[in-house]
Amino acid sequence: MALDYNIIGERLKKARTDKGLTQEKLAEKLDVSIAFLSRIERGSSHISLKRLSQVCDILKISEGSILNGSSNDSTTYLSSEFENLLKNTSPEKQKLIYKIAKVINED
């Protein structure tokens, strides 16, 4: 399974903002540029496992929560991402997403 750096970046950004840290403060703690951190959060730059571990230590979160969306229960994979997506989607598009997911989930 390939890593989705866009999702990883979104999760890192959410964790950073949940902790009340600006990009500037986190970049300073990591000794990286704000531009580099911004690219990671947008998914346009890949983050190494070593750097990910450093970020997680600073934010006091698990690597698992960033990589797979849940540190304890893989059944919640992408749950918050889907929830956020649906909040910002019209009812017509929500219905389409539901129909597509239903077809994909049928066995």
N, C-alpha and C. Protein backbone atom coordinates (compact mmCIF):
# COMPACT_ATOMS: atom_id res chain seq x y z
N MET A 1 0.84 -1.18 0.00
CA MET A 1 0.00 0.00 0.00
C MET A 1 0.89 1.25 0.00
N ALA A 2 0.64 2.13 -0.91
CA ALA A 2 1.41 3.38 -1.01
C ALA A 2 0.88 4.39 0.01
N LEU A 3 1.79 5.20 0.49
CA LEU A 3 1.39 6.24 1.43
C LEU A 3 0.73 7.38 0.68
N ASP A 4 -0.33 7.92 1.23
CA ASP A 4 -1.00 9.09 0.65
C ASP A 4 -0.50 10.31 1.42
N TYR A 5 0.43 11.02 0.82
CA TYR A 5 1.06 12.15 1.51
C TYR A 5 0.12 13.33 1.67
N ASN A 6 -0.94 13.41 0.87
CA ASN A 6 -1.93 14.46 1.05
C ASN A 6 -2.68 14.24 2.37
N ILE A 7 -3.08 13.00 2.61
CA ILE A 7 -3.81 12.69 3.85
C ILE A 7 -2.88 12.84 5.05
N ILE A 8 -1.64 12.36 4.92
CA ILE A 8 -0.68 12.51 6.01
C ILE A 8 -0.49 13.99 6.33
N GLY A 9 -0.36 14.82 5.30
CA GLY A 9 -0.21 16.25 5.51
C GLY A 9 -1.41 16.87 6.19
N GLU A 10 -2.61 16.46 5.78
CA GLU A 10 -3.83 16.97 6.41
C GLU A 10 -3.87 16.60 7.89
N ARG A 11 -3.51 15.36 8.20
CA ARG A 11 -3.52 14.91 9.60
C ARG A 11 -2.48 15.65 10.42
N LEU A 12 -1.31 15.89 9.83
CA LEU A 12 -0.28 16.65 10.56
C LEU A 12 -0.74 18.07 10.82
N LYS A 13 -1.34 18.69 9.83
CA LYS A 13 -1.83 20.06 10.00
C LYS A 13 -2.90 20.12 11.10
N LYS A 14 -3.83 19.15 11.06
CA LYS A 14 -4.88 19.13 12.08
C LYS A 14 -4.28 18.94 13.47
N ALA A 15 -3.32 18.04 13.59
CA ALA A 15 -2.68 17.80 14.89
C ALA A 15 -1.95 19.05 15.36
N ARG A 16 -1.29 19.73 14.44
CA ARG A 16 -0.57 20.96 14.79
C ARG A 16 -1.53 22.04 15.26
N THR A 17 -2.62 22.25 14.51
CA THR A 17 -3.57 23.30 14.89
C THR A 17 -4.32 22.92 16.17
N ASP A 18 -4.59 21.62 16.36
CA ASP A 18 -5.23 21.18 17.61
C ASP A 18 -4.37 21.49 18.83
N LYS A 19 -3.06 21.48 18.64
CA LYS A 19 -2.12 21.80 19.72
C LYS A 19 -1.87 23.30 19.84
N GLY A 20 -2.47 24.08 18.94
CA GLY A 20 -2.32 25.53 19.00
C GLY A 20 -0.98 26.03 18.51
N LEU A 21 -0.30 25.23 17.68
CA LEU A 21 1.00 25.64 17.16
C LEU A 21 0.85 26.22 15.75
N THR A 22 1.58 27.28 15.48
CA THR A 22 1.64 27.83 14.14
C THR A 22 2.67 27.03 13.34
N GLN A 23 2.62 27.17 12.03
CA GLN A 23 3.65 26.54 11.20
C GLN A 23 5.02 27.07 11.59
N GLU A 24 5.08 28.36 11.87
CA GLU A 24 6.35 28.97 12.24
C GLU A 24 6.94 28.33 13.49
N LYS A 25 6.12 28.13 14.53
CA LYS A 25 6.61 27.55 15.79
C LYS A 25 7.05 26.10 15.60
N LEU A 26 6.23 25.32 14.86
CA LEU A 26 6.59 23.92 14.65
C LEU A 26 7.84 23.82 13.79
N ALA A 27 7.94 24.63 12.76
CA ALA A 27 9.13 24.62 11.90
C ALA A 27 10.38 24.96 12.72
N GLU A 28 10.24 25.90 13.63
CA GLU A 28 11.36 26.29 14.50
C GLU A 28 11.79 25.12 15.37
N LYS A 29 10.81 24.43 15.96
CA LYS A 29 11.12 23.28 16.82
C LYS A 29 11.78 22.15 16.04
N LEU A 30 11.41 22.01 14.77
CA LEU A 30 11.97 20.95 13.92
C LEU A 30 13.26 21.37 13.24
N ASP A 31 13.56 22.65 13.30
CA ASP A 31 14.72 23.23 12.61
C ASP A 31 14.62 23.00 11.10
N VAL A 32 13.41 23.32 10.57
CA VAL A 32 13.17 23.28 9.12
C VAL A 32 12.53 24.61 8.73
N SER A 33 12.47 24.86 7.44
CA SER A 33 11.84 26.10 6.98
C SER A 33 10.32 25.98 7.05
N ILE A 34 9.68 27.12 7.16
CA ILE A 34 8.21 27.16 7.15
C ILE A 34 7.72 26.65 5.80
N ALA A 35 8.41 27.00 4.73
CA ALA A 35 8.02 26.55 3.39
C ALA A 35 8.03 25.03 3.30
N PHE A 36 9.06 24.39 3.87
CA PHE A 36 9.13 22.93 3.84
C PHE A 36 7.97 22.32 4.62
N LEU A 37 7.70 22.85 5.80
CA LEU A 37 6.59 22.34 6.60
C LEU A 37 5.26 22.53 5.87
N SER A 38 5.10 23.66 5.22
CA SER A 38 3.90 23.92 4.45
C SER A 38 3.73 22.91 3.32
N ARG A 39 4.81 22.59 2.63
CA ARG A 39 4.76 21.59 1.54
C ARG A 39 4.39 20.22 2.09
N ILE A 40 4.89 19.87 3.27
CA ILE A 40 4.52 18.59 3.89
C ILE A 40 3.03 18.57 4.19
N GLU A 41 2.52 19.65 4.77
CA GLU A 41 1.10 19.71 5.12
C GLU A 41 0.20 19.69 3.89
N ARG A 42 0.69 20.17 2.76
CA ARG A 42 -0.08 20.14 1.51
C ARG A 42 0.10 18.83 0.77
N GLY A 43 1.04 18.01 1.21
CA GLY A 43 1.31 16.74 0.56
C GLY A 43 2.19 16.84 -0.65
N SER A 44 2.78 18.01 -0.90
CA SER A 44 3.64 18.16 -2.07
C SER A 44 5.09 17.79 -1.79
N SER A 45 5.44 17.60 -0.52
CA SER A 45 6.75 17.07 -0.14
C SER A 45 6.52 15.85 0.74
N HIS A 46 7.36 14.86 0.55
CA HIS A 46 7.26 13.65 1.37
C HIS A 46 8.00 13.86 2.67
N ILE A 47 7.46 13.28 3.73
CA ILE A 47 8.11 13.37 5.03
C ILE A 47 8.78 12.03 5.32
N SER A 48 10.00 12.08 5.79
CA SER A 48 10.71 10.85 6.14
C SER A 48 10.16 10.31 7.45
N LEU A 49 10.39 9.03 7.69
CA LEU A 49 9.92 8.43 8.94
C LEU A 49 10.62 9.06 10.14
N LYS A 50 11.89 9.41 9.97
CA LYS A 50 12.63 10.06 11.06
C LYS A 50 11.99 11.41 11.39
N ARG A 51 11.70 12.20 10.37
CA ARG A 51 11.09 13.52 10.57
C ARG A 51 9.68 13.36 11.13
N LEU A 52 8.94 12.37 10.63
CA LEU A 52 7.59 12.12 11.14
C LEU A 52 7.64 11.80 12.63
N SER A 53 8.60 11.00 13.03
CA SER A 53 8.76 10.66 14.45
C SER A 53 9.05 11.92 15.28
N GLN A 54 9.88 12.81 14.76
CA GLN A 54 10.17 14.07 15.46
C GLN A 54 8.91 14.91 15.61
N VAL A 55 8.13 15.03 14.53
CA VAL A 55 6.90 15.82 14.58
C VAL A 55 5.94 15.21 15.60
N CYS A 56 5.79 13.90 15.56
CA CYS A 56 4.87 13.23 16.49
C CYS A 56 5.30 13.40 17.94
N ASP A 57 6.61 13.37 18.19
CA ASP A 57 7.12 13.61 19.55
C ASP A 57 6.75 15.02 20.02
N ILE A 58 6.94 16.00 19.16
CA ILE A 58 6.63 17.39 19.52
C ILE A 58 5.13 17.56 19.76
N LEU A 59 4.32 16.95 18.89
CA LEU A 59 2.86 17.11 19.00
C LEU A 59 2.24 16.14 20.00
N LYS A 60 3.05 15.21 20.51
CA LYS A 60 2.59 14.21 21.47
C LYS A 60 1.43 13.38 20.91
N ILE A 61 1.67 12.86 19.70
CA ILE A 61 0.70 11.98 19.04
C ILE A 61 1.46 10.76 18.52
N SER A 62 0.73 9.72 18.17
CA SER A 62 1.39 8.52 17.65
C SER A 62 1.58 8.61 16.15
N GLU A 63 2.61 7.95 15.68
CA GLU A 63 2.84 7.87 14.25
C GLU A 63 1.68 7.17 13.56
N GLY A 64 1.11 6.17 14.25
CA GLY A 64 -0.03 5.43 13.69
C GLY A 64 -1.22 6.32 13.41
N SER A 65 -1.45 7.30 14.27
CA SER A 65 -2.59 8.19 14.05
C SER A 65 -2.40 9.04 12.81
N ILE A 66 -1.15 9.32 12.46
CA ILE A 66 -0.86 10.10 11.25
C ILE A 66 -0.86 9.20 10.02
N LEU A 67 -0.27 8.02 10.13
CA LEU A 67 -0.14 7.14 8.98
C LEU A 67 -1.44 6.43 8.59
N ASN A 68 -2.21 5.99 9.59
CA ASN A 68 -3.41 5.24 9.23
C ASN A 68 -4.70 5.80 9.83
N GLY A 69 -4.63 6.94 10.49
CA GLY A 69 -5.83 7.58 10.99
C GLY A 69 -6.30 7.12 12.35
N SER A 70 -5.64 6.10 12.88
CA SER A 70 -6.05 5.59 14.18
C SER A 70 -4.89 4.87 14.84
N SER A 71 -4.66 5.16 16.08
CA SER A 71 -3.57 4.47 16.76
C SER A 71 -4.02 3.15 17.36
N ASN A 72 -5.32 2.97 17.57
CA ASN A 72 -5.79 1.76 18.23
C ASN A 72 -6.73 0.91 17.40
N ASP A 73 -7.49 1.52 16.51
CA ASP A 73 -8.57 0.79 15.84
C ASP A 73 -8.59 1.12 14.36
N SER A 74 -8.17 0.18 13.55
CA SER A 74 -8.09 0.45 12.12
C SER A 74 -9.47 0.58 11.47
N THR A 75 -10.55 0.26 12.17
CA THR A 75 -11.89 0.42 11.59
C THR A 75 -12.26 1.88 11.45
N THR A 76 -11.51 2.79 12.04
CA THR A 76 -11.81 4.21 11.92
C THR A 76 -10.94 4.89 10.87
N TYR A 77 -10.27 4.10 10.04
CA TYR A 77 -9.40 4.63 9.00
C TYR A 77 -10.18 5.60 8.11
N LEU A 78 -9.69 6.80 7.97
CA LEU A 78 -10.26 7.88 7.16
C LEU A 78 -11.61 8.40 7.67
N SER A 79 -12.05 8.00 8.84
CA SER A 79 -13.36 8.45 9.33
C SER A 79 -13.46 9.96 9.41
N SER A 80 -12.49 10.60 10.03
CA SER A 80 -12.58 12.05 10.16
C SER A 80 -12.43 12.74 8.81
N GLU A 81 -11.63 12.15 7.91
CA GLU A 81 -11.48 12.73 6.58
C GLU A 81 -12.81 12.68 5.81
N PHE A 82 -13.50 11.53 5.89
CA PHE A 82 -14.82 11.42 5.24
C PHE A 82 -15.82 12.38 5.87
N GLU A 83 -15.78 12.48 7.19
CA GLU A 83 -16.70 13.38 7.87
C GLU A 83 -16.49 14.83 7.41
N ASN A 84 -15.24 15.26 7.35
CA ASN A 84 -14.95 16.62 6.89
C ASN A 84 -15.33 16.82 5.43
N LEU A 85 -15.07 15.81 4.61
CA LEU A 85 -15.43 15.89 3.21
C LEU A 85 -16.94 16.06 3.04
N LEU A 86 -17.70 15.26 3.77
CA LEU A 86 -19.15 15.32 3.64
C LEU A 86 -19.74 16.62 4.17
N LYS A 87 -19.13 17.21 5.19
CA LYS A 87 -19.61 18.48 5.73
C LYS A 87 -19.58 19.58 4.67
N ASN A 88 -18.61 19.50 3.78
CA ASN A 88 -18.41 20.54 2.78
C ASN A 88 -18.92 20.13 1.39
N THR A 89 -19.83 19.16 1.35
CA THR A 89 -20.34 18.65 0.09
C THR A 89 -21.85 18.84 0.03
N SER A 90 -22.34 19.18 -1.15
CA SER A 90 -23.78 19.38 -1.33
C SER A 90 -24.53 18.06 -1.11
N PRO A 91 -25.82 18.15 -0.76
CA PRO A 91 -26.61 16.92 -0.56
C PRO A 91 -26.63 16.03 -1.81
N GLU A 92 -26.65 16.63 -2.99
CA GLU A 92 -26.65 15.84 -4.22
C GLU A 92 -25.36 15.02 -4.35
N LYS A 93 -24.24 15.67 -4.06
CA LYS A 93 -22.96 14.97 -4.14
C LYS A 93 -22.82 13.94 -3.02
N GLN A 94 -23.38 14.22 -1.84
CA GLN A 94 -23.36 13.25 -0.76
C GLN A 94 -24.10 11.99 -1.18
N LYS A 95 -25.23 12.16 -1.85
CA LYS A 95 -26.01 11.02 -2.32
C LYS A 95 -25.20 10.20 -3.33
N LEU A 96 -24.48 10.88 -4.23
CA LEU A 96 -23.65 10.19 -5.21
C LEU A 96 -22.51 9.43 -4.53
N ILE A 97 -21.87 10.06 -3.56
CA ILE A 97 -20.79 9.41 -2.82
C ILE A 97 -21.32 8.16 -2.12
N TYR A 98 -22.49 8.27 -1.53
CA TYR A 98 -23.10 7.13 -0.84
C TYR A 98 -23.36 5.98 -1.82
N LYS A 99 -23.93 6.30 -2.98
CA LYS A 99 -24.23 5.26 -3.98
C LYS A 99 -22.95 4.57 -4.45
N ILE A 100 -21.91 5.34 -4.69
CA ILE A 100 -20.64 4.79 -5.14
C ILE A 100 -20.06 3.88 -4.05
N ALA A 101 -20.06 4.36 -2.80
CA ALA A 101 -19.53 3.57 -1.70
C ALA A 101 -20.32 2.28 -1.51
N LYS A 102 -21.62 2.36 -1.67
CA LYS A 102 -22.47 1.17 -1.52
C LYS A 102 -22.12 0.13 -2.57
N VAL A 103 -21.92 0.55 -3.81
CA VAL A 103 -21.55 -0.37 -4.89
C VAL A 103 -20.18 -0.99 -4.61
N ILE A 104 -19.23 -0.18 -4.19
CA ILE A 104 -17.88 -0.68 -3.91
C ILE A 104 -17.89 -1.67 -2.75
N ASN A 105 -18.73 -1.44 -1.77
CA ASN A 105 -18.76 -2.25 -0.56
C ASN A 105 -19.51 -3.56 -0.74
N GLU A 106 -20.28 -3.71 -1.79
CA GLU A 106 -21.03 -4.95 -2.01
C GLU A 106 -20.09 -6.09 -2.34
N ASP A 107 -20.35 -7.22 -1.76
CA ASP A 107 -19.52 -8.40 -2.04
C ASP A 107 -20.32 -9.49 -2.67
